[in-house]
């Protein structure tokens, strides 16, 4: 993952807000973040949580292509919460 990337990026459209969440030191929350600010407004909220990949007994962060493919798939799915990669076991993260 890009070390310069912020922990949360929000993309806004007139009726949808999506957050991209990542965390290096502790597992990112997989609970839907509060949408208090959007209550009463016709806004759909979705969270996309970035994890990591385990291959051949080793782990690595997601590549830029895996992140973008996963985020596009999550947005297209319309799910309130999507996880790209894996979060478990967190002790195996890079």
PDB file of N, CA and C in Angstrom:
ATOM      1  N   UNK A   1       0.837  -1.163   0.000  1.00  0.00           N
ATOM      2  CA  UNK A   1       0.000   0.000   0.000  1.00  0.00           C
ATOM      3  C   UNK A   1       0.887   1.233   0.000  1.00  0.00           C
ATOM      4  N   UNK A   2       0.445   2.272  -0.665  1.00  0.00           N
ATOM      5  CA  UNK A   2       1.190   3.507  -0.787  1.00  0.00           C
ATOM      6  C   UNK A   2       1.320   4.154   0.591  1.00  0.00           C
ATOM      7  N   UNK A   3       2.537   4.402   1.062  1.00  0.00           N
ATOM      8  CA  UNK A   3       2.724   4.966   2.396  1.00  0.00           C
ATOM      9  C   UNK A   3       2.207   6.398   2.483  1.00  0.00           C
ATOM     10  N   UNK A   4       2.048   7.067   1.351  1.00  0.00           N
ATOM     11  CA  UNK A   4       1.544   8.437   1.353  1.00  0.00           C
ATOM     12  C   UNK A   4       0.023   8.491   1.327  1.00  0.00           C
ATOM     13  N   UNK A   5      -0.630   7.334   1.171  1.00  0.00           N
ATOM     14  CA  UNK A   5      -2.088   7.309   1.081  1.00  0.00           C
ATOM     15  C   UNK A   5      -2.704   7.605   2.442  1.00  0.00           C
ATOM     16  N   UNK A   6      -3.745   8.430   2.486  1.00  0.00           N
ATOM     17  CA  UNK A   6      -4.425   8.700   3.753  1.00  0.00           C
ATOM     18  C   UNK A   6      -5.186   7.464   4.210  1.00  0.00           C
ATOM     19  N   UNK A   7      -5.515   7.409   5.509  1.00  0.00           N
ATOM     20  CA  UNK A   7      -6.243   6.265   6.058  1.00  0.00           C
ATOM     21  C   UNK A   7      -7.686   6.226   5.595  1.00  0.00           C
ATOM     22  N   UNK A   8      -8.257   7.325   5.191  1.00  0.00           N
ATOM     23  CA  UNK A   8      -9.644   7.339   4.748  1.00  0.00           C
ATOM     24  C   UNK A   8      -9.809   8.360   3.631  1.00  0.00           C
ATOM     25  N   UNK A   9     -10.433   7.925   2.552  1.00  0.00           N
ATOM     26  CA  UNK A   9     -10.706   8.813   1.424  1.00  0.00           C
ATOM     27  C   UNK A   9     -12.200   8.721   1.164  1.00  0.00           C
ATOM     28  N   UNK A  10     -12.882   9.840   1.138  1.00  0.00           N
ATOM     29  CA  UNK A  10     -14.321   9.822   0.868  1.00  0.00           C
ATOM     30  C   UNK A  10     -14.578  10.379  -0.518  1.00  0.00           C
ATOM     31  N   UNK A  11     -15.360   9.648  -1.309  1.00  0.00           N
ATOM     32  CA  UNK A  11     -15.767  10.102  -2.639  1.00  0.00           C
ATOM     33  C   UNK A  11     -17.240  10.470  -2.557  1.00  0.00           C
ATOM     34  N   UNK A  12     -17.598  11.632  -3.052  1.00  0.00           N
ATOM     35  CA  UNK A  12     -18.971  12.108  -2.898  1.00  0.00           C
ATOM     36  C   UNK A  12     -19.642  12.300  -4.249  1.00  0.00           C
ATOM     37  N   UNK A  13     -20.875  11.857  -4.326  1.00  0.00           N
ATOM     38  CA  UNK A  13     -21.763  12.144  -5.442  1.00  0.00           C
ATOM     39  C   UNK A  13     -23.033  12.680  -4.817  1.00  0.00           C
ATOM     40  N   UNK A  14     -23.979  13.173  -5.597  1.00  0.00           N
ATOM     41  CA  UNK A  14     -25.189  13.737  -4.993  1.00  0.00           C
ATOM     42  C   UNK A  14     -25.956  12.776  -4.098  1.00  0.00           C
ATOM     43  N   UNK A  15     -25.853  11.454  -4.307  1.00  0.00           N
ATOM     44  CA  UNK A  15     -26.660  10.548  -3.500  1.00  0.00           C
ATOM     45  C   UNK A  15     -25.860   9.415  -2.869  1.00  0.00           C
ATOM     46  N   UNK A  16     -24.557   9.446  -2.973  1.00  0.00           N
ATOM     47  CA  UNK A  16     -23.762   8.335  -2.445  1.00  0.00           C
ATOM     48  C   UNK A  16     -22.452   8.824  -1.855  1.00  0.00           C
ATOM     49  N   UNK A  17     -22.086   8.247  -0.710  1.00  0.00           N
ATOM     50  CA  UNK A  17     -20.790   8.511  -0.093  1.00  0.00           C
ATOM     51  C   UNK A  17     -20.128   7.168   0.131  1.00  0.00           C
ATOM     52  N   UNK A  18     -18.882   7.029  -0.309  1.00  0.00           N
ATOM     53  CA  UNK A  18     -18.111   5.802  -0.081  1.00  0.00           C
ATOM     54  C   UNK A  18     -16.827   6.168   0.647  1.00  0.00           C
ATOM     55  N   UNK A  19     -16.455   5.359   1.645  1.00  0.00           N
ATOM     56  CA  UNK A  19     -15.197   5.556   2.362  1.00  0.00           C
ATOM     57  C   UNK A  19     -14.280   4.388   2.078  1.00  0.00           C
ATOM     58  N   UNK A  20     -13.022   4.681   1.871  1.00  0.00           N
ATOM     59  CA  UNK A  20     -11.996   3.676   1.665  1.00  0.00           C
ATOM     60  C   UNK A  20     -11.153   3.671   2.930  1.00  0.00           C
ATOM     61  N   UNK A  21     -11.153   2.535   3.646  1.00  0.00           N
ATOM     62  CA  UNK A  21     -10.517   2.466   4.957  1.00  0.00           C
ATOM     63  C   UNK A  21      -9.348   1.494   4.944  1.00  0.00           C
ATOM     64  N   UNK A  22      -8.238   1.908   5.555  1.00  0.00           N
ATOM     65  CA  UNK A  22      -7.079   1.028   5.679  1.00  0.00           C
ATOM     66  C   UNK A  22      -6.400   1.307   7.011  1.00  0.00           C
ATOM     67  N   UNK A  23      -5.563   0.369   7.446  1.00  0.00           N
ATOM     68  CA  UNK A  23      -4.867   0.535   8.708  1.00  0.00           C
ATOM     69  C   UNK A  23      -3.640  -0.355   8.700  1.00  0.00           C
ATOM     70  N   UNK A  24      -2.493   0.158   9.081  1.00  0.00           N
ATOM     71  CA  UNK A  24      -1.268  -0.644   9.086  1.00  0.00           C
ATOM     72  C   UNK A  24      -1.001  -1.313  10.434  1.00  0.00           C
ATOM     73  N   UNK A  25      -1.304  -0.647  11.524  1.00  0.00           N
ATOM     74  CA  UNK A  25      -0.892  -1.142  12.833  1.00  0.00           C
ATOM     75  C   UNK A  25      -1.946  -1.988  13.558  1.00  0.00           C
ATOM     76  N   UNK A  26      -3.195  -1.793  13.254  1.00  0.00           N
ATOM     77  CA  UNK A  26      -4.250  -2.581  13.890  1.00  0.00           C
ATOM     78  C   UNK A  26      -5.323  -2.850  12.856  1.00  0.00           C
ATOM     79  N   UNK A  27      -6.127  -3.886  13.063  1.00  0.00           N
ATOM     80  CA  UNK A  27      -7.129  -4.212  12.047  1.00  0.00           C
ATOM     81  C   UNK A  27      -8.115  -3.069  11.846  1.00  0.00           C
ATOM     82  N   UNK A  28      -8.434  -2.758  10.613  1.00  0.00           N
ATOM     83  CA  UNK A  28      -9.442  -1.728  10.370  1.00  0.00           C
ATOM     84  C   UNK A  28     -10.797  -2.211  10.846  1.00  0.00           C
ATOM     85  N   UNK A  29     -11.628  -1.295  11.218  1.00  0.00           N
ATOM     86  CA  UNK A  29     -12.969  -1.638  11.680  1.00  0.00           C
ATOM     87  C   UNK A  29     -13.779  -2.202  10.518  1.00  0.00           C
ATOM     88  N   UNK A  30     -14.501  -3.270  10.795  1.00  0.00           N
ATOM     89  CA  UNK A  30     -15.378  -3.833   9.773  1.00  0.00           C
ATOM     90  C   UNK A  30     -16.832  -3.549  10.114  1.00  0.00           C
ATOM     91  N   UNK A  31     -17.040  -2.607  11.032  1.00  0.00           N
ATOM     92  CA  UNK A  31     -18.402  -2.184  11.309  1.00  0.00           C
ATOM     93  C   UNK A  31     -18.677  -0.944  10.484  1.00  0.00           C
ATOM     94  N   UNK A  32     -19.907  -0.794  10.072  1.00  0.00           N
ATOM     95  CA  UNK A  32     -20.273   0.350   9.245  1.00  0.00           C
ATOM     96  C   UNK A  32     -20.089   1.635  10.064  1.00  0.00           C
ATOM     97  N   UNK A  33     -19.241   2.565   9.597  1.00  0.00           N
ATOM     98  CA  UNK A  33     -19.029   3.817  10.329  1.00  0.00           C
ATOM     99  C   UNK A  33     -20.326   4.607  10.478  1.00  0.00           C
ATOM    100  N   UNK A  34     -20.336   5.465  11.470  1.00  0.00           N
ATOM    101  CA  UNK A  34     -21.524   6.273  11.745  1.00  0.00           C
ATOM    102  C   UNK A  34     -21.877   7.170  10.562  1.00  0.00           C
ATOM    103  N   UNK A  35     -23.146   7.241  10.279  1.00  0.00           N
ATOM    104  CA  UNK A  35     -23.619   8.117   9.205  1.00  0.00           C
ATOM    105  C   UNK A  35     -24.498   9.223   9.783  1.00  0.00           C
ATOM    106  N   UNK A  36     -24.194   9.615  11.018  1.00  0.00           N
ATOM    107  CA  UNK A  36     -25.004  10.625  11.698  1.00  0.00           C
ATOM    108  C   UNK A  36     -25.174  11.882  10.854  1.00  0.00           C
ATOM    109  N   UNK A  37     -24.112  12.317  10.202  1.00  0.00           N
ATOM    110  CA  UNK A  37     -24.185  13.547   9.411  1.00  0.00           C
ATOM    111  C   UNK A  37     -25.155  13.409   8.244  1.00  0.00           C
ATOM    112  N   UNK A  38     -25.376  12.192   7.765  1.00  0.00           N
ATOM    113  CA  UNK A  38     -26.235  11.969   6.608  1.00  0.00           C
ATOM    114  C   UNK A  38     -27.669  11.609   6.990  1.00  0.00           C
ATOM    115  N   UNK A  39     -27.945  11.466   8.280  1.00  0.00           N
ATOM    116  CA  UNK A  39     -29.292  11.074   8.681  1.00  0.00           C
ATOM    117  C   UNK A  39     -30.311  12.104   8.199  1.00  0.00           C
ATOM    118  N   UNK A  40     -31.386  11.609   7.648  1.00  0.00           N
ATOM    119  CA  UNK A  40     -32.439  12.487   7.153  1.00  0.00           C
ATOM    120  C   UNK A  40     -32.221  12.938   5.717  1.00  0.00           C
ATOM    121  N   UNK A  41     -31.064  12.612   5.142  1.00  0.00           N
ATOM    122  CA  UNK A  41     -30.771  12.982   3.765  1.00  0.00           C
ATOM    123  C   UNK A  41     -30.835  11.734   2.891  1.00  0.00           C
ATOM    124  N   UNK A  42     -31.188  11.882   1.627  1.00  0.00           N
ATOM    125  CA  UNK A  42     -31.269  10.721   0.727  1.00  0.00           C
ATOM    126  C   UNK A  42     -29.881  10.304   0.229  1.00  0.00           C
ATOM    127  N   UNK A  43     -29.054   9.810   1.163  1.00  0.00           N
ATOM    128  CA  UNK A  43     -27.683   9.442   0.835  1.00  0.00           C
ATOM    129  C   UNK A  43     -27.456   7.981   1.185  1.00  0.00           C
ATOM    130  N   UNK A  44     -26.850   7.237   0.263  1.00  0.00           N
ATOM    131  CA  UNK A  44     -26.430   5.864   0.524  1.00  0.00           C
ATOM    132  C   UNK A  44     -24.971   5.903   0.950  1.00  0.00           C
ATOM    133  N   UNK A  45     -24.632   5.169   2.016  1.00  0.00           N
ATOM    134  CA  UNK A  45     -23.257   5.145   2.513  1.00  0.00           C
ATOM    135  C   UNK A  45     -22.699   3.745   2.357  1.00  0.00           C
ATOM    136  N   UNK A  46     -21.463   3.639   1.888  1.00  0.00           N
ATOM    137  CA  UNK A  46     -20.786   2.347   1.761  1.00  0.00           C
ATOM    138  C   UNK A  46     -19.355   2.481   2.257  1.00  0.00           C
ATOM    139  N   UNK A  47     -18.855   1.434   2.901  1.00  0.00           N
ATOM    140  CA  UNK A  47     -17.469   1.400   3.360  1.00  0.00           C
ATOM    141  C   UNK A  47     -16.737   0.272   2.644  1.00  0.00           C
ATOM    142  N   UNK A  48     -15.522   0.562   2.188  1.00  0.00           N
ATOM    143  CA  UNK A  48     -14.660  -0.434   1.562  1.00  0.00           C
ATOM    144  C   UNK A  48     -13.415  -0.527   2.432  1.00  0.00           C
ATOM    145  N   UNK A  49     -13.171  -1.708   3.003  1.00  0.00           N
ATOM    146  CA  UNK A  49     -12.039  -1.923   3.896  1.00  0.00           C
ATOM    147  C   UNK A  49     -10.937  -2.659   3.130  1.00  0.00           C
ATOM    148  N   UNK A  50      -9.726  -2.114   3.172  1.00  0.00           N
ATOM    149  CA  UNK A  50      -8.591  -2.722   2.486  1.00  0.00           C
ATOM    150  C   UNK A  50      -7.834  -3.638   3.440  1.00  0.00           C
ATOM    151  N   UNK A  51      -7.591  -4.851   3.003  1.00  0.00           N
ATOM    152  CA  UNK A  51      -6.843  -5.811   3.802  1.00  0.00           C
ATOM    153  C   UNK A  51      -5.499  -6.106   3.176  1.00  0.00           C
ATOM    154  N   UNK A  52      -5.134  -7.384   3.152  1.00  0.00           N
ATOM    155  CA  UNK A  52      -3.857  -7.821   2.599  1.00  0.00           C
ATOM    156  C   UNK A  52      -4.074  -9.165   1.920  1.00  0.00           C
ATOM    157  N   UNK A  53      -3.011  -9.703   1.304  1.00  0.00           N
ATOM    158  CA  UNK A  53      -3.078 -10.973   0.585  1.00  0.00           C
ATOM    159  C   UNK A  53      -2.059 -11.930   1.195  1.00  0.00           C
ATOM    160  N   UNK A  54      -2.459 -13.194   1.366  1.00  0.00           N
ATOM    161  CA  UNK A  54      -1.529 -14.229   1.802  1.00  0.00           C
ATOM    162  C   UNK A  54      -1.297 -15.157   0.612  1.00  0.00           C
ATOM    163  N   UNK A  55      -0.030 -15.319   0.226  1.00  0.00           N
ATOM    164  CA  UNK A  55       0.345 -16.172  -0.907  1.00  0.00           C
ATOM    165  C   UNK A  55       1.560 -17.006  -0.517  1.00  0.00           C
ATOM    166  N   UNK A  56       1.459 -18.304  -0.703  1.00  0.00           N
ATOM    167  CA  UNK A  56       2.601 -19.171  -0.446  1.00  0.00           C
ATOM    168  C   UNK A  56       3.186 -19.015   0.948  1.00  0.00           C
ATOM    169  N   UNK A  57       2.324 -18.813   1.948  1.00  0.00           N
ATOM    170  CA  UNK A  57       2.801 -18.685   3.316  1.00  0.00           C
ATOM    171  C   UNK A  57       3.351 -17.317   3.675  1.00  0.00           C
ATOM    172  N   UNK A  58       3.316 -16.374   2.744  1.00  0.00           N
ATOM    173  CA  UNK A  58       3.793 -15.001   2.995  1.00  0.00           C
ATOM    174  C   UNK A  58       2.653 -14.030   2.754  1.00  0.00           C
ATOM    175  N   UNK A  59       2.715 -12.911   3.399  1.00  0.00           N
ATOM    176  CA  UNK A  59       1.660 -11.909   3.198  1.00  0.00           C
ATOM    177  C   UNK A  59       2.243 -10.652   2.568  1.00  0.00           C
ATOM    178  N   UNK A  60       1.364  -9.898   1.914  1.00  0.00           N
ATOM    179  CA  UNK A  60       1.757  -8.627   1.296  1.00  0.00           C
ATOM    180  C   UNK A  60       0.537  -7.721   1.263  1.00  0.00           C
ATOM    181  N   UNK A  61       0.795  -6.432   1.137  1.00  0.00           N
ATOM    182  CA  UNK A  61      -0.297  -5.486   0.968  1.00  0.00           C
ATOM    183  C   UNK A  61      -0.870  -5.644  -0.436  1.00  0.00           C
ATOM    184  N   UNK A  62      -2.067  -5.199  -0.625  1.00  0.00           N
ATOM    185  CA  UNK A  62      -2.712  -5.232  -1.938  1.00  0.00           C
ATOM    186  C   UNK A  62      -1.952  -4.343  -2.921  1.00  0.00           C
ATOM    187  N   UNK A  63      -1.913  -4.774  -4.177  1.00  0.00           N
ATOM    188  CA  UNK A  63      -1.308  -3.946  -5.218  1.00  0.00           C
ATOM    189  C   UNK A  63      -2.291  -2.838  -5.604  1.00  0.00           C
ATOM    190  N   UNK A  64      -1.809  -1.830  -6.303  1.00  0.00           N
ATOM    191  CA  UNK A  64      -2.693  -0.759  -6.760  1.00  0.00           C
ATOM    192  C   UNK A  64      -3.816  -1.306  -7.630  1.00  0.00           C
ATOM    193  N   UNK A  65      -3.502  -2.269  -8.510  1.00  0.00           N
ATOM    194  CA  UNK A  65      -4.539  -2.862  -9.362  1.00  0.00           C
ATOM    195  C   UNK A  65      -5.572  -3.620  -8.539  1.00  0.00           C
ATOM    196  N   UNK A  66      -5.129  -4.367  -7.522  1.00  0.00           N
ATOM    197  CA  UNK A  66      -6.068  -5.095  -6.664  1.00  0.00           C
ATOM    198  C   UNK A  66      -6.960  -4.140  -5.894  1.00  0.00           C
ATOM    199  N   UNK A  67      -6.392  -3.038  -5.444  1.00  0.00           N
ATOM    200  CA  UNK A  67      -7.185  -2.037  -4.724  1.00  0.00           C
ATOM    201  C   UNK A  67      -8.237  -1.443  -5.648  1.00  0.00           C
ATOM    202  N   UNK A  68      -7.826  -0.979  -6.821  1.00  0.00           N
ATOM    203  CA  UNK A  68      -8.792  -0.328  -7.714  1.00  0.00           C
ATOM    204  C   UNK A  68      -9.848  -1.317  -8.196  1.00  0.00           C
ATOM    205  N   UNK A  69      -9.450  -2.553  -8.545  1.00  0.00           N
ATOM    206  CA  UNK A  69     -10.433  -3.555  -8.961  1.00  0.00           C
ATOM    207  C   UNK A  69     -11.416  -3.862  -7.834  1.00  0.00           C
ATOM    208  N   UNK A  70     -10.894  -3.995  -6.619  1.00  0.00           N
ATOM    209  CA  UNK A  70     -11.747  -4.290  -5.473  1.00  0.00           C
ATOM    210  C   UNK A  70     -12.697  -3.162  -5.137  1.00  0.00           C
ATOM    211  N   UNK A  71     -12.223  -1.927  -5.224  1.00  0.00           N
ATOM    212  CA  UNK A  71     -13.074  -0.772  -4.934  1.00  0.00           C
ATOM    213  C   UNK A  71     -14.174  -0.654  -5.987  1.00  0.00           C
ATOM    214  N   UNK A  72     -13.829  -0.802  -7.257  1.00  0.00           N
ATOM    215  CA  UNK A  72     -14.858  -0.758  -8.308  1.00  0.00           C
ATOM    216  C   UNK A  72     -15.895  -1.858  -8.102  1.00  0.00           C
ATOM    217  N   UNK A  73     -15.440  -3.077  -7.785  1.00  0.00           N
ATOM    218  CA  UNK A  73     -16.370  -4.190  -7.562  1.00  0.00           C
ATOM    219  C   UNK A  73     -17.265  -3.908  -6.357  1.00  0.00           C
ATOM    220  N   UNK A  74     -16.689  -3.334  -5.312  1.00  0.00           N
ATOM    221  CA  UNK A  74     -17.474  -3.017  -4.111  1.00  0.00           C
ATOM    222  C   UNK A  74     -18.552  -1.978  -4.418  1.00  0.00           C
ATOM    223  N   UNK A  75     -18.183  -0.951  -5.151  1.00  0.00           N
ATOM    224  CA  UNK A  75     -19.151   0.094  -5.493  1.00  0.00           C
ATOM    225  C   UNK A  75     -20.250  -0.477  -6.372  1.00  0.00           C
ATOM    226  N   UNK A  76     -19.877  -1.295  -7.355  1.00  0.00           N
ATOM    227  CA  UNK A  76     -20.873  -1.901  -8.239  1.00  0.00           C
ATOM    228  C   UNK A  76     -21.803  -2.845  -7.491  1.00  0.00           C
ATOM    229  N   UNK A  77     -21.303  -3.504  -6.437  1.00  0.00           N
ATOM    230  CA  UNK A  77     -22.131  -4.459  -5.696  1.00  0.00           C
ATOM    231  C   UNK A  77     -23.231  -3.764  -4.894  1.00  0.00           C
ATOM    232  N   UNK A  78     -22.985  -2.528  -4.502  1.00  0.00           N
ATOM    233  CA  UNK A  78     -23.970  -1.800  -3.709  1.00  0.00           C
ATOM    234  C   UNK A  78     -24.006  -2.231  -2.248  1.00  0.00           C
ATOM    235  N   UNK A  79     -23.080  -3.081  -1.821  1.00  0.00           N
ATOM    236  CA  UNK A  79     -23.048  -3.547  -0.432  1.00  0.00           C
ATOM    237  C   UNK A  79     -22.666  -2.403   0.507  1.00  0.00           C
ATOM    238  N   UNK A  80     -23.221  -2.404   1.696  1.00  0.00           N
ATOM    239  CA  UNK A  80     -22.909  -1.374   2.683  1.00  0.00           C
ATOM    240  C   UNK A  80     -21.485  -1.513   3.207  1.00  0.00           C
ATOM    241  N   UNK A  81     -20.952  -2.744   3.208  1.00  0.00           N
ATOM    242  CA  UNK A  81     -19.602  -2.994   3.683  1.00  0.00           C
ATOM    243  C   UNK A  81     -18.948  -4.033   2.789  1.00  0.00           C
ATOM    244  N   UNK A  82     -17.767  -3.728   2.270  1.00  0.00           N
ATOM    245  CA  UNK A  82     -17.007  -4.660   1.433  1.00  0.00           C
ATOM    246  C   UNK A  82     -15.580  -4.724   1.946  1.00  0.00           C
ATOM    247  N   UNK A  83     -14.985  -5.912   1.872  1.00  0.00           N
ATOM    248  CA  UNK A  83     -13.592  -6.096   2.264  1.00  0.00           C
ATOM    249  C   UNK A  83     -12.815  -6.556   1.038  1.00  0.00           C
ATOM    250  N   UNK A  84     -11.734  -5.846   0.731  1.00  0.00           N
ATOM    251  CA  UNK A  84     -10.865  -6.199  -0.397  1.00  0.00           C
ATOM    252  C   UNK A  84      -9.646  -6.896   0.202  1.00  0.00           C
ATOM    253  N   UNK A  85      -9.390  -8.133  -0.212  1.00  0.00           N
ATOM    254  CA  UNK A  85      -8.318  -8.917   0.383  1.00  0.00           C
ATOM    255  C   UNK A  85      -8.842  -9.642   1.607  1.00  0.00           C
ATOM    256  N   UNK A  86      -7.966  -9.849   2.587  1.00  0.00           N
ATOM    257  CA  UNK A  86      -8.363 -10.512   3.827  1.00  0.00           C
ATOM    258  C   UNK A  86      -7.898  -9.685   5.023  1.00  0.00           C
ATOM    259  N   UNK A  87      -8.566  -9.842   6.144  1.00  0.00           N
ATOM    260  CA  UNK A  87      -8.188  -9.157   7.376  1.00  0.00           C
ATOM    261  C   UNK A  87      -7.726 -10.143   8.444  1.00  0.00           C
ATOM    262  N   UNK A  88      -7.857 -11.434   8.150  1.00  0.00           N
ATOM    263  CA  UNK A  88      -7.562 -12.447   9.164  1.00  0.00           C
ATOM    264  C   UNK A  88      -6.619 -13.502   8.631  1.00  0.00           C
ATOM    265  N   UNK A  89      -5.752 -13.965   9.477  1.00  0.00           N
ATOM    266  CA  UNK A  89      -5.501 -13.432  10.810  1.00  0.00           C
ATOM    267  C   UNK A  89      -4.697 -12.139  10.727  1.00  0.00           C
ATOM    268  N   UNK A  90      -5.090 -11.132  11.490  1.00  0.00           N
ATOM    269  CA  UNK A  90      -4.415  -9.844  11.427  1.00  0.00           C
ATOM    270  C   UNK A  90      -2.944  -9.987  11.797  1.00  0.00           C
ATOM    271  N   UNK A  91      -2.624 -10.965  12.622  1.00  0.00           N
ATOM    272  CA  UNK A  91      -1.226 -11.185  13.018  1.00  0.00           C
ATOM    273  C   UNK A  91      -0.351 -11.558  11.815  1.00  0.00           C
ATOM    274  N   UNK A  92      -0.964 -11.939  10.690  1.00  0.00           N
ATOM    275  CA  UNK A  92      -0.200 -12.294   9.493  1.00  0.00           C
ATOM    276  C   UNK A  92      -0.015 -11.125   8.536  1.00  0.00           C
ATOM    277  N   UNK A  93      -0.547  -9.951   8.892  1.00  0.00           N
ATOM    278  CA  UNK A  93      -0.405  -8.825   7.960  1.00  0.00           C
ATOM    279  C   UNK A  93       1.065  -8.438   7.799  1.00  0.00           C
ATOM    280  N   UNK A  94       1.390  -7.851   6.644  1.00  0.00           N
ATOM    281  CA  UNK A  94       2.803  -7.498   6.368  1.00  0.00           C
ATOM    282  C   UNK A  94       3.373  -6.497   7.365  1.00  0.00           C
TER     283      UNK A  94
END
